Amino acid sequence: MSELRQSPEAHEQIHHVISLKTYMAIYAALLVLLVATVLASELPISRSAHLFVAMTIAVIKAVLIMLFFMHVYYSAPLIWITAVGSIVWVALLIGFLLADNWSRDWLNILGK
């Protein structure tokens, strides 16, 4: 059986150091988005609009966390493909869940 061999340089990666100023700016943006989520829950809009606003804010917060705290912004292209693929997969799952949930209003169920 052949053995997998890697050069000593294979494990060396360039680590990008993010400044504290950037971390604090992202943290402040996350706090602002948290307050926006709380304030948006008090808006006099429909239930569907509340869901849309809350999910939009949640996606923005998730992207900020993924890009900067998980260091995807400075990663290799394969990491980007994996991250984007994960977001697309979750969007598909949520989309099908919402489509299934919204289609149940027009069903005639006895006892309702």
PDB file of N, CA and C in Angstrom:
ATOM      1  N   MET A   1       0.824  -1.188   0.000  1.00  0.00           N
ATOM      2  CA  MET A   1       0.000   0.000   0.000  1.00  0.00           C
ATOM      3  C   MET A   1       0.865   1.247   0.000  1.00  0.00           C
ATOM      4  N   SER A   2       0.474   2.195  -0.773  1.00  0.00           N
ATOM      5  CA  SER A   2       1.265   3.425  -0.815  1.00  0.00           C
ATOM      6  C   SER A   2       0.869   4.350   0.329  1.00  0.00           C
ATOM      7  N   GLU A   3       1.805   5.113   0.704  1.00  0.00           N
ATOM      8  CA  GLU A   3       1.600   6.028   1.822  1.00  0.00           C
ATOM      9  C   GLU A   3       1.426   7.454   1.289  1.00  0.00           C
ATOM     10  N   LEU A   4       0.497   8.190   1.860  1.00  0.00           N
ATOM     11  CA  LEU A   4       0.342   9.583   1.474  1.00  0.00           C
ATOM     12  C   LEU A   4       1.481  10.387   2.073  1.00  0.00           C
ATOM     13  N   ARG A   5       2.089  11.178   1.262  1.00  0.00           N
ATOM     14  CA  ARG A   5       3.198  11.992   1.744  1.00  0.00           C
ATOM     15  C   ARG A   5       2.890  13.457   1.486  1.00  0.00           C
ATOM     16  N   GLN A   6       3.195  14.252   2.474  1.00  0.00           N
ATOM     17  CA  GLN A   6       3.032  15.685   2.329  1.00  0.00           C
ATOM     18  C   GLN A   6       4.337  16.369   2.682  1.00  0.00           C
ATOM     19  N   SER A   7       4.585  17.431   1.997  1.00  0.00           N
ATOM     20  CA  SER A   7       5.788  18.191   2.287  1.00  0.00           C
ATOM     21  C   SER A   7       5.593  18.954   3.597  1.00  0.00           C
ATOM     22  N   PRO A   8       6.674  19.309   4.247  1.00  0.00           N
ATOM     23  CA  PRO A   8       6.542  20.087   5.494  1.00  0.00           C
ATOM     24  C   PRO A   8       5.836  21.424   5.287  1.00  0.00           C
ATOM     25  N   GLU A   9       5.904  21.966   4.071  1.00  0.00           N
ATOM     26  CA  GLU A   9       5.261  23.243   3.793  1.00  0.00           C
ATOM     27  C   GLU A   9       3.747  23.122   3.648  1.00  0.00           C
ATOM     28  N   ALA A  10       3.229  21.892   3.549  1.00  0.00           N
ATOM     29  CA  ALA A  10       1.799  21.697   3.315  1.00  0.00           C
ATOM     30  C   ALA A  10       0.957  22.211   4.479  1.00  0.00           C
ATOM     31  N   HIS A  11       1.496  22.177   5.668  1.00  0.00           N
ATOM     32  CA  HIS A  11       0.734  22.604   6.836  1.00  0.00           C
ATOM     33  C   HIS A  11       0.930  24.073   7.180  1.00  0.00           C
ATOM     34  N   GLU A  12       1.852  24.698   6.503  1.00  0.00           N
ATOM     35  CA  GLU A  12       2.092  26.112   6.759  1.00  0.00           C
ATOM     36  C   GLU A  12       1.058  26.935   6.005  1.00  0.00           C
ATOM     37  N   GLN A  13       0.386  27.785   6.722  1.00  0.00           N
ATOM     38  CA  GLN A  13      -0.596  28.659   6.119  1.00  0.00           C
ATOM     39  C   GLN A  13      -0.309  30.081   6.556  1.00  0.00           C
ATOM     40  N   ILE A  14      -0.703  30.982   5.705  1.00  0.00           N
ATOM     41  CA  ILE A  14      -0.564  32.390   6.060  1.00  0.00           C
ATOM     42  C   ILE A  14      -1.798  32.789   6.858  1.00  0.00           C
ATOM     43  N   HIS A  15      -1.599  33.212   8.080  1.00  0.00           N
ATOM     44  CA  HIS A  15      -2.702  33.632   8.933  1.00  0.00           C
ATOM     45  C   HIS A  15      -2.809  35.146   8.884  1.00  0.00           C
ATOM     46  N   HIS A  16      -3.968  35.602   8.500  1.00  0.00           N
ATOM     47  CA  HIS A  16      -4.193  37.035   8.457  1.00  0.00           C
ATOM     48  C   HIS A  16      -4.610  37.515   9.837  1.00  0.00           C
ATOM     49  N   VAL A  17      -3.949  38.512  10.332  1.00  0.00           N
ATOM     50  CA  VAL A  17      -4.261  39.061  11.641  1.00  0.00           C
ATOM     51  C   VAL A  17      -5.224  40.227  11.448  1.00  0.00           C
ATOM     52  N   ILE A  18      -6.388  40.107  12.075  1.00  0.00           N
ATOM     53  CA  ILE A  18      -7.390  41.157  11.981  1.00  0.00           C
ATOM     54  C   ILE A  18      -7.201  42.112  13.151  1.00  0.00           C
ATOM     55  N   SER A  19      -7.253  43.377  12.869  1.00  0.00           N
ATOM     56  CA  SER A  19      -7.000  44.366  13.908  1.00  0.00           C
ATOM     57  C   SER A  19      -8.159  44.426  14.913  1.00  0.00           C
ATOM     58  N   LEU A  20      -7.840  44.902  16.079  1.00  0.00           N
ATOM     59  CA  LEU A  20      -8.849  45.058  17.132  1.00  0.00           C
ATOM     60  C   LEU A  20      -9.904  46.072  16.710  1.00  0.00           C
ATOM     61  N   LYS A  21      -9.506  47.070  15.946  1.00  0.00           N
ATOM     62  CA  LYS A  21     -10.448  48.074  15.457  1.00  0.00           C
ATOM     63  C   LYS A  21     -11.526  47.429  14.581  1.00  0.00           C
ATOM     64  N   THR A  22     -11.125  46.495  13.737  1.00  0.00           N
ATOM     65  CA  THR A  22     -12.091  45.788  12.883  1.00  0.00           C
ATOM     66  C   THR A  22     -13.029  44.943  13.726  1.00  0.00           C
ATOM     67  N   TYR A  23     -12.472  44.223  14.698  1.00  0.00           N
ATOM     68  CA  TYR A  23     -13.312  43.410  15.579  1.00  0.00           C
ATOM     69  C   TYR A  23     -14.327  44.270  16.333  1.00  0.00           C
ATOM     70  N   MET A  24     -13.890  45.415  16.812  1.00  0.00           N
ATOM     71  CA  MET A  24     -14.800  46.287  17.554  1.00  0.00           C
ATOM     72  C   MET A  24     -15.868  46.882  16.633  1.00  0.00           C
ATOM     73  N   ALA A  25     -15.512  47.177  15.389  1.00  0.00           N
ATOM     74  CA  ALA A  25     -16.503  47.697  14.433  1.00  0.00           C
ATOM     75  C   ALA A  25     -17.549  46.633  14.122  1.00  0.00           C
ATOM     76  N   ILE A  26     -17.124  45.395  13.939  1.00  0.00           N
ATOM     77  CA  ILE A  26     -18.072  44.305  13.672  1.00  0.00           C
ATOM     78  C   ILE A  26     -18.940  44.063  14.903  1.00  0.00           C
ATOM     79  N   TYR A  27     -18.341  44.119  16.073  1.00  0.00           N
ATOM     80  CA  TYR A  27     -19.101  43.951  17.313  1.00  0.00           C
ATOM     81  C   TYR A  27     -20.162  45.052  17.459  1.00  0.00           C
ATOM     82  N   ALA A  28     -19.770  46.284  17.151  1.00  0.00           N
ATOM     83  CA  ALA A  28     -20.732  47.398  17.221  1.00  0.00           C
ATOM     84  C   ALA A  28     -21.851  47.206  16.194  1.00  0.00           C
ATOM     85  N   ALA A  29     -21.498  46.738  15.005  1.00  0.00           N
ATOM     86  CA  ALA A  29     -22.519  46.491  13.983  1.00  0.00           C
ATOM     87  C   ALA A  29     -23.477  45.387  14.434  1.00  0.00           C
ATOM     88  N   LEU A  30     -22.954  44.361  15.078  1.00  0.00           N
ATOM     89  CA  LEU A  30     -23.814  43.286  15.585  1.00  0.00           C
ATOM     90  C   LEU A  30     -24.749  43.791  16.684  1.00  0.00           C
ATOM     91  N   LEU A  31     -24.250  44.681  17.535  1.00  0.00           N
ATOM     92  CA  LEU A  31     -25.110  45.258  18.574  1.00  0.00           C
ATOM     93  C   LEU A  31     -26.200  46.137  17.967  1.00  0.00           C
ATOM     94  N   VAL A  32     -25.851  46.902  16.947  1.00  0.00           N
ATOM     95  CA  VAL A  32     -26.844  47.736  16.265  1.00  0.00           C
ATOM     96  C   VAL A  32     -27.910  46.848  15.616  1.00  0.00           C
ATOM     97  N   LEU A  33     -27.488  45.756  15.004  1.00  0.00           N
ATOM     98  CA  LEU A  33     -28.438  44.839  14.382  1.00  0.00           C
ATOM     99  C   LEU A  33     -29.308  44.135  15.428  1.00  0.00           C
ATOM    100  N   LEU A  34     -28.749  43.883  16.605  1.00  0.00           N
ATOM    101  CA  LEU A  34     -29.542  43.315  17.697  1.00  0.00           C
ATOM    102  C   LEU A  34     -30.652  44.275  18.113  1.00  0.00           C
ATOM    103  N   VAL A  35     -30.288  45.544  18.267  1.00  0.00           N
ATOM    104  CA  VAL A  35     -31.283  46.560  18.620  1.00  0.00           C
ATOM    105  C   VAL A  35     -32.314  46.697  17.495  1.00  0.00           C
ATOM    106  N   ALA A  36     -31.856  46.620  16.251  1.00  0.00           N
ATOM    107  CA  ALA A  36     -32.783  46.695  15.111  1.00  0.00           C
ATOM    108  C   ALA A  36     -33.763  45.533  15.121  1.00  0.00           C
ATOM    109  N   THR A  37     -33.305  44.358  15.520  1.00  0.00           N
ATOM    110  CA  THR A  37     -34.197  43.202  15.608  1.00  0.00           C
ATOM    111  C   THR A  37     -35.266  43.419  16.661  1.00  0.00           C
ATOM    112  N   VAL A  38     -34.865  43.920  17.809  1.00  0.00           N
ATOM    113  CA  VAL A  38     -35.821  44.166  18.890  1.00  0.00           C
ATOM    114  C   VAL A  38     -36.821  45.250  18.489  1.00  0.00           C
ATOM    115  N   LEU A  39     -36.332  46.333  17.891  1.00  0.00           N
ATOM    116  CA  LEU A  39     -37.222  47.409  17.466  1.00  0.00           C
ATOM    117  C   LEU A  39     -38.144  46.972  16.326  1.00  0.00           C
ATOM    118  N   ALA A  40     -37.655  46.118  15.458  1.00  0.00           N
ATOM    119  CA  ALA A  40     -38.475  45.645  14.336  1.00  0.00           C
ATOM    120  C   ALA A  40     -39.630  44.776  14.816  1.00  0.00           C
ATOM    121  N   SER A  41     -39.462  44.141  15.958  1.00  0.00           N
ATOM    122  CA  SER A  41     -40.550  43.302  16.477  1.00  0.00           C
ATOM    123  C   SER A  41     -41.734  44.142  16.944  1.00  0.00           C
ATOM    124  N   GLU A  42     -41.507  45.425  17.184  1.00  0.00           N
ATOM    125  CA  GLU A  42     -42.572  46.316  17.631  1.00  0.00           C
ATOM    126  C   GLU A  42     -43.260  47.063  16.496  1.00  0.00           C
ATOM    127  N   LEU A  43     -42.791  46.876  15.266  1.00  0.00           N
ATOM    128  CA  LEU A  43     -43.383  47.580  14.133  1.00  0.00           C
ATOM    129  C   LEU A  43     -44.801  47.079  13.857  1.00  0.00           C
ATOM    130  N   PRO A  44     -45.692  47.976  13.465  1.00  0.00           N
ATOM    131  CA  PRO A  44     -47.071  47.565  13.162  1.00  0.00           C
ATOM    132  C   PRO A  44     -47.195  47.034  11.726  1.00  0.00           C
ATOM    133  N   ILE A  45     -46.581  45.886  11.471  1.00  0.00           N
ATOM    134  CA  ILE A  45     -46.631  45.280  10.140  1.00  0.00           C
ATOM    135  C   ILE A  45     -47.171  43.866  10.254  1.00  0.00           C
ATOM    136  N   SER A  46     -47.423  43.249   9.130  1.00  0.00           N
ATOM    137  CA  SER A  46     -48.011  41.906   9.140  1.00  0.00           C
ATOM    138  C   SER A  46     -47.020  40.869   9.659  1.00  0.00           C
ATOM    139  N   ARG A  47     -47.544  39.696   9.930  1.00  0.00           N
ATOM    140  CA  ARG A  47     -46.723  38.608  10.466  1.00  0.00           C
ATOM    141  C   ARG A  47     -45.662  38.179   9.453  1.00  0.00           C
ATOM    142  N   SER A  48     -46.040  38.143   8.184  1.00  0.00           N
ATOM    143  CA  SER A  48     -45.088  37.771   7.137  1.00  0.00           C
ATOM    144  C   SER A  48     -43.981  38.806   7.006  1.00  0.00           C
ATOM    145  N   ALA A  49     -44.338  40.068   7.130  1.00  0.00           N
ATOM    146  CA  ALA A  49     -43.332  41.128   7.052  1.00  0.00           C
ATOM    147  C   ALA A  49     -42.376  41.056   8.241  1.00  0.00           C
ATOM    148  N   HIS A  50     -42.902  40.735   9.422  1.00  0.00           N
ATOM    149  CA  HIS A  50     -42.035  40.551  10.592  1.00  0.00           C
ATOM    150  C   HIS A  50     -41.023  39.438  10.338  1.00  0.00           C
ATOM    151  N   LEU A  51     -41.498  38.349   9.769  1.00  0.00           N
ATOM    152  CA  LEU A  51     -40.608  37.226   9.471  1.00  0.00           C
ATOM    153  C   LEU A  51     -39.534  37.645   8.473  1.00  0.00           C
ATOM    154  N   PHE A  52     -39.932  38.352   7.441  1.00  0.00           N
ATOM    155  CA  PHE A  52     -38.978  38.801   6.426  1.00  0.00           C
ATOM    156  C   PHE A  52     -37.922  39.733   7.029  1.00  0.00           C
ATOM    157  N   VAL A  53     -38.353  40.682   7.830  1.00  0.00           N
ATOM    158  CA  VAL A  53     -37.416  41.636   8.446  1.00  0.00           C
ATOM    159  C   VAL A  53     -36.468  40.913   9.409  1.00  0.00           C
ATOM    160  N   ALA A  54     -37.014  40.034  10.233  1.00  0.00           N
ATOM    161  CA  ALA A  54     -36.182  39.307  11.197  1.00  0.00           C
ATOM    162  C   ALA A  54     -35.179  38.395  10.494  1.00  0.00           C
ATOM    163  N   MET A  55     -35.609  37.716   9.444  1.00  0.00           N
ATOM    164  CA  MET A  55     -34.694  36.830   8.720  1.00  0.00           C
ATOM    165  C   MET A  55     -33.617  37.622   7.969  1.00  0.00           C
ATOM    166  N   THR A  56     -33.979  38.774   7.442  1.00  0.00           N
ATOM    167  CA  THR A  56     -32.993  39.606   6.753  1.00  0.00           C
ATOM    168  C   THR A  56     -31.913  40.079   7.722  1.00  0.00           C
ATOM    169  N   ILE A  57     -32.328  40.540   8.886  1.00  0.00           N
ATOM    170  CA  ILE A  57     -31.356  40.981   9.893  1.00  0.00           C
ATOM    171  C   ILE A  57     -30.512  39.805  10.370  1.00  0.00           C
ATOM    172  N   ALA A  58     -31.122  38.647  10.555  1.00  0.00           N
ATOM    173  CA  ALA A  58     -30.382  37.462  11.001  1.00  0.00           C
ATOM    174  C   ALA A  58     -29.346  37.024   9.964  1.00  0.00           C
ATOM    175  N   VAL A  59     -29.691  37.106   8.704  1.00  0.00           N
ATOM    176  CA  VAL A  59     -28.747  36.728   7.650  1.00  0.00           C
ATOM    177  C   VAL A  59     -27.568  37.698   7.627  1.00  0.00           C
ATOM    178  N   ILE A  60     -27.840  38.972   7.786  1.00  0.00           N
ATOM    179  CA  ILE A  60     -26.754  39.963   7.817  1.00  0.00           C
ATOM    180  C   ILE A  60     -25.817  39.684   8.986  1.00  0.00           C
ATOM    181  N   LYS A  61     -26.388  39.396  10.157  1.00  0.00           N
ATOM    182  CA  LYS A  61     -25.548  39.091  11.325  1.00  0.00           C
ATOM    183  C   LYS A  61     -24.738  37.817  11.102  1.00  0.00           C
ATOM    184  N   ALA A  62     -25.349  36.797  10.531  1.00  0.00           N
ATOM    185  CA  ALA A  62     -24.646  35.538  10.275  1.00  0.00           C
ATOM    186  C   ALA A  62     -23.498  35.726   9.280  1.00  0.00           C
ATOM    187  N   VAL A  63     -23.716  36.537   8.259  1.00  0.00           N
ATOM    188  CA  VAL A  63     -22.662  36.780   7.275  1.00  0.00           C
ATOM    189  C   VAL A  63     -21.502  37.540   7.907  1.00  0.00           C
ATOM    190  N   LEU A  64     -21.798  38.523   8.744  1.00  0.00           N
ATOM    191  CA  LEU A  64     -20.726  39.253   9.428  1.00  0.00           C
ATOM    192  C   LEU A  64     -19.904  38.320  10.317  1.00  0.00           C
ATOM    193  N   ILE A  65     -20.582  37.481  11.063  1.00  0.00           N
ATOM    194  CA  ILE A  65     -19.878  36.539  11.939  1.00  0.00           C
ATOM    195  C   ILE A  65     -19.038  35.571  11.128  1.00  0.00           C
ATOM    196  N   MET A  66     -19.628  35.059  10.046  1.00  0.00           N
ATOM    197  CA  MET A  66     -18.910  34.097   9.220  1.00  0.00           C
ATOM    198  C   MET A  66     -17.681  34.735   8.569  1.00  0.00           C
ATOM    199  N   LEU A  67     -17.834  35.923   8.047  1.00  0.00           N
ATOM    200  CA  LEU A  67     -16.724  36.541   7.324  1.00  0.00           C
ATOM    201  C   LEU A  67     -15.570  36.946   8.232  1.00  0.00           C
ATOM    202  N   PHE A  68     -15.877  37.540   9.367  1.00  0.00           N
ATOM    203  CA  PHE A  68     -14.804  38.113  10.173  1.00  0.00           C
ATOM    204  C   PHE A  68     -14.415  37.270  11.380  1.00  0.00           C
ATOM    205  N   PHE A  69     -15.374  36.775  12.151  1.00  0.00           N
ATOM    206  CA  PHE A  69     -15.011  35.993  13.336  1.00  0.00           C
ATOM    207  C   PHE A  69     -14.581  34.579  12.974  1.00  0.00           C
ATOM    208  N   MET A  70     -15.084  34.053  11.859  1.00  0.00           N
ATOM    209  CA  MET A  70     -14.661  32.731  11.405  1.00  0.00           C
ATOM    210  C   MET A  70     -13.573  32.836  10.334  1.00  0.00           C
ATOM    211  N   HIS A  71     -13.129  34.036  10.027  1.00  0.00           N
ATOM    212  CA  HIS A  71     -12.004  34.314   9.125  1.00  0.00           C
ATOM    213  C   HIS A  71     -12.203  33.787   7.706  1.00  0.00           C
ATOM    214  N   VAL A  72     -13.428  33.715   7.243  1.00  0.00           N
ATOM    215  CA  VAL A  72     -13.679  33.264   5.873  1.00  0.00           C
ATOM    216  C   VAL A  72     -13.247  34.325   4.873  1.00  0.00           C
ATOM    217  N   TYR A  73     -13.319  35.579   5.253  1.00  0.00           N
ATOM    218  CA  TYR A  73     -12.985  36.678   4.355  1.00  0.00           C
ATOM    219  C   TYR A  73     -11.561  36.557   3.816  1.00  0.00           C
ATOM    220  N   TYR A  74     -10.665  36.032   4.619  1.00  0.00           N
ATOM    221  CA  TYR A  74      -9.260  35.930   4.230  1.00  0.00           C
ATOM    222  C   TYR A  74      -8.848  34.495   3.919  1.00  0.00           C
ATOM    223  N   SER A  75      -9.795  33.625   3.669  1.00  0.00           N
ATOM    224  CA  SER A  75      -9.501  32.207   3.462  1.00  0.00           C
ATOM    225  C   SER A  75      -9.344  31.872   1.982  1.00  0.00           C
ATOM    226  N   ALA A  76      -8.997  30.607   1.767  1.00  0.00           N
ATOM    227  CA  ALA A  76      -8.803  30.084   0.408  1.00  0.00           C
ATOM    228  C   ALA A  76     -10.144  29.967  -0.321  1.00  0.00           C
ATOM    229  N   PRO A  77     -10.114  29.895  -1.645  1.00  0.00           N
ATOM    230  CA  PRO A  77     -11.358  29.787  -2.416  1.00  0.00           C
ATOM    231  C   PRO A  77     -12.209  28.567  -2.061  1.00  0.00           C
ATOM    232  N   LEU A  78     -11.591  27.469  -1.686  1.00  0.00           N
ATOM    233  CA  LEU A  78     -12.361  26.287  -1.316  1.00  0.00           C
ATOM    234  C   LEU A  78     -13.209  26.542  -0.071  1.00  0.00           C
ATOM    235  N   ILE A  79     -12.695  27.300   0.860  1.00  0.00           N
ATOM    236  CA  ILE A  79     -13.453  27.660   2.054  1.00  0.00           C
ATOM    237  C   ILE A  79     -14.640  28.541   1.666  1.00  0.00           C
ATOM    238  N   TRP A  80     -14.430  29.464   0.726  1.00  0.00           N
ATOM    239  CA  TRP A  80     -15.525  30.317   0.249  1.00  0.00           C
ATOM    240  C   TRP A  80     -16.622  29.473  -0.392  1.00  0.00           C
ATOM    241  N   ILE A  81     -16.235  28.508  -1.213  1.00  0.00           N
ATOM    242  CA  ILE A  81     -17.219  27.642  -1.871  1.00  0.00           C
ATOM    243  C   ILE A  81     -18.013  26.870  -0.833  1.00  0.00           C
ATOM    244  N   THR A  82     -17.339  26.351   0.174  1.00  0.00           N
ATOM    245  CA  THR A  82     -18.016  25.608   1.232  1.00  0.00           C
ATOM    246  C   THR A  82     -18.972  26.508   2.019  1.00  0.00           C
ATOM    247  N   ALA A  83     -18.533  27.716   2.339  1.00  0.00           N
ATOM    248  CA  ALA A  83     -19.375  28.646   3.105  1.00  0.00           C
ATOM    249  C   ALA A  83     -20.598  29.067   2.303  1.00  0.00           C
ATOM    250  N   VAL A  84     -20.400  29.412   1.041  1.00  0.00           N
ATOM    251  CA  VAL A  84     -21.532  29.819   0.205  1.00  0.00           C
ATOM    252  C   VAL A  84     -22.473  28.646  -0.020  1.00  0.00           C
ATOM    253  N   GLY A  85     -21.919  27.462  -0.230  1.00  0.00           N
ATOM    254  CA  GLY A  85     -22.754  26.269  -0.382  1.00  0.00           C
ATOM    255  C   GLY A  85     -23.591  26.004   0.851  1.00  0.00           C
ATOM    256  N   SER A  86     -23.019  26.217   2.025  1.00  0.00           N
ATOM    257  CA  SER A  86     -23.770  26.029   3.270  1.00  0.00           C
ATOM    258  C   SER A  86     -24.913  27.022   3.390  1.00  0.00           C
ATOM    259  N   ILE A  87     -24.653  28.265   3.028  1.00  0.00           N
ATOM    260  CA  ILE A  87     -25.700  29.284   3.088  1.00  0.00           C
ATOM    261  C   ILE A  87     -26.817  28.964   2.096  1.00  0.00           C
ATOM    262  N   VAL A  88     -26.450  28.531   0.895  1.00  0.00           N
ATOM    263  CA  VAL A  88     -27.461  28.158  -0.103  1.00  0.00           C
ATOM    264  C   VAL A  88     -28.289  26.984   0.397  1.00  0.00           C
ATOM    265  N   TRP A  89     -27.634  26.001   1.013  1.00  0.00           N
ATOM    266  CA  TRP A  89     -28.349  24.835   1.523  1.00  0.00           C
ATOM    267  C   TRP A  89     -29.349  25.235   2.619  1.00  0.00           C
ATOM    268  N   VAL A  90     -28.928  26.067   3.544  1.00  0.00           N
ATOM    269  CA  VAL A  90     -29.834  26.516   4.611  1.00  0.00           C
ATOM    270  C   VAL A  90     -30.976  27.342   4.026  1.00  0.00           C
ATOM    271  N   ALA A  91     -30.681  28.174   3.027  1.00  0.00           N
ATOM    272  CA  ALA A  91     -31.735  28.961   2.374  1.00  0.00           C
ATOM    273  C   ALA A  91     -32.754  28.051   1.697  1.00  0.00           C
ATOM    274  N   LEU A  92     -32.287  26.997   1.058  1.00  0.00           N
ATOM    275  CA  LEU A  92     -33.212  26.043   0.443  1.00  0.00           C
ATOM    276  C   LEU A  92     -34.087  25.354   1.495  1.00  0.00           C
ATOM    277  N   LEU A  93     -33.484  24.936   2.584  1.00  0.00           N
ATOM    278  CA  LEU A  93     -34.255  24.277   3.643  1.00  0.00           C
ATOM    279  C   LEU A  93     -35.310  25.210   4.224  1.00  0.00           C
ATOM    280  N   ILE A  94     -34.923  26.450   4.496  1.00  0.00           N
ATOM    281  CA  ILE A  94     -35.879  27.410   5.045  1.00  0.00           C
ATOM    282  C   ILE A  94     -36.952  27.744   4.014  1.00  0.00           C
ATOM    283  N   GLY A  95     -36.553  27.872   2.750  1.00  0.00           N
ATOM    284  CA  GLY A  95     -37.520  28.152   1.698  1.00  0.00           C
ATOM    285  C   GLY A  95     -38.565  27.052   1.559  1.00  0.00           C
ATOM    286  N   PHE A  96     -38.128  25.798   1.558  1.00  0.00           N
ATOM    287  CA  PHE A  96     -39.079  24.693   1.470  1.00  0.00           C
ATOM    288  C   PHE A  96     -39.938  24.587   2.726  1.00  0.00           C
ATOM    289  N   LEU A  97     -39.360  24.885   3.880  1.00  0.00           N
ATOM    290  CA  LEU A  97     -40.134  24.877   5.116  1.00  0.00           C
ATOM    291  C   LEU A  97     -41.239  25.929   5.071  1.00  0.00           C
ATOM    292  N   LEU A  98     -40.891  27.134   4.632  1.00  0.00           N
ATOM    293  CA  LEU A  98     -41.891  28.205   4.546  1.00  0.00           C
ATOM    294  C   LEU A  98     -42.944  27.906   3.482  1.00  0.00           C
ATOM    295  N   ALA A  99     -42.525  27.329   2.359  1.00  0.00           N
ATOM    296  CA  ALA A  99     -43.490  26.980   1.318  1.00  0.00           C
ATOM    297  C   ALA A  99     -44.482  25.936   1.834  1.00  0.00           C
ATOM    298  N   ASP A 100     -43.991  24.982   2.591  1.00  0.00           N
ATOM    299  CA  ASP A 100     -44.871  23.971   3.164  1.00  0.00           C
ATOM    300  C   ASP A 100     -45.802  24.587   4.200  1.00  0.00           C
ATOM    301  N   ASN A 101     -45.269  25.463   5.026  1.00  0.00           N
ATOM    302  CA  ASN A 101     -46.073  26.097   6.074  1.00  0.00           C
ATOM    303  C   ASN A 101     -47.156  26.993   5.475  1.00  0.00           C
ATOM    304  N   TRP A 102     -46.802  27.793   4.461  1.00  0.00           N
ATOM    305  CA  TRP A 102     -47.774  28.700   3.855  1.00  0.00           C
ATOM    306  C   TRP A 102     -48.837  27.973   3.042  1.00  0.00           C
ATOM    307  N   SER A 103     -48.539  26.773   2.561  1.00  0.00           N
ATOM    308  CA  SER A 103     -49.519  26.040   1.762  1.00  0.00           C
ATOM    309  C   SER A 103     -50.586  25.378   2.624  1.00  0.00           C
ATOM    310  N   ARG A 104     -50.431  25.369   3.909  1.00  0.00           N
ATOM    311  CA  ARG A 104     -51.384  24.686   4.776  1.00  0.00           C
ATOM    312  C   ARG A 104     -52.616  25.524   5.104  1.00  0.00           C
ATOM    313  N   ASP A 105     -52.623  26.808   4.800  1.00  0.00           N
ATOM    314  CA  ASP A 105     -53.766  27.657   5.102  1.00  0.00           C
ATOM    315  C   ASP A 105     -54.993  27.298   4.274  1.00  0.00           C
ATOM    316  N   TRP A 106     -54.813  26.824   3.053  1.00  0.00           N
ATOM    317  CA  TRP A 106     -55.938  26.587   2.181  1.00  0.00           C
ATOM    318  C   TRP A 106     -56.477  25.162   2.276  1.00  0.00           C
ATOM    319  N   LEU A 107     -55.913  24.321   3.125  1.00  0.00           N
ATOM    320  CA  LEU A 107     -56.416  22.962   3.291  1.00  0.00           C
ATOM    321  C   LEU A 107     -57.640  22.963   4.193  1.00  0.00           C
ATOM    322  N   ASN A 108     -58.656  22.222   3.820  1.00  0.00           N
ATOM    323  CA  ASN A 108     -59.844  22.083   4.669  1.00  0.00           C
ATOM    324  C   ASN A 108     -59.639  20.892   5.581  1.00  0.00           C
ATOM    325  N   ILE A 109     -59.334  21.196   6.816  1.00  0.00           N
ATOM    326  CA  ILE A 109     -59.125  20.146   7.808  1.00  0.00           C
ATOM    327  C   ILE A 109     -60.319  20.146   8.732  1.00  0.00           C
ATOM    328  N   LEU A 110     -60.914  18.964   8.908  1.00  0.00           N
ATOM    329  CA  LEU A 110     -62.089  18.862   9.781  1.00  0.00           C
ATOM    330  C   LEU A 110     -61.720  19.240  11.209  1.00  0.00           C
ATOM    331  N   GLY A 111     -62.596  19.987  11.843  1.00  0.00           N
ATOM    332  CA  GLY A 111     -62.390  20.383  13.230  1.00  0.00           C
ATOM    333  C   GLY A 111     -61.652  21.700  13.382  1.00  0.00           C
ATOM    334  N   LYS A 112     -61.300  22.324  12.308  1.00  0.00           N
ATOM    335  CA  LYS A 112     -60.612  23.622  12.408  1.00  0.00           C
ATOM    336  C   LYS A 112     -61.567  24.751  12.224  1.00  0.00           C
TER     337      LYS A 112
END
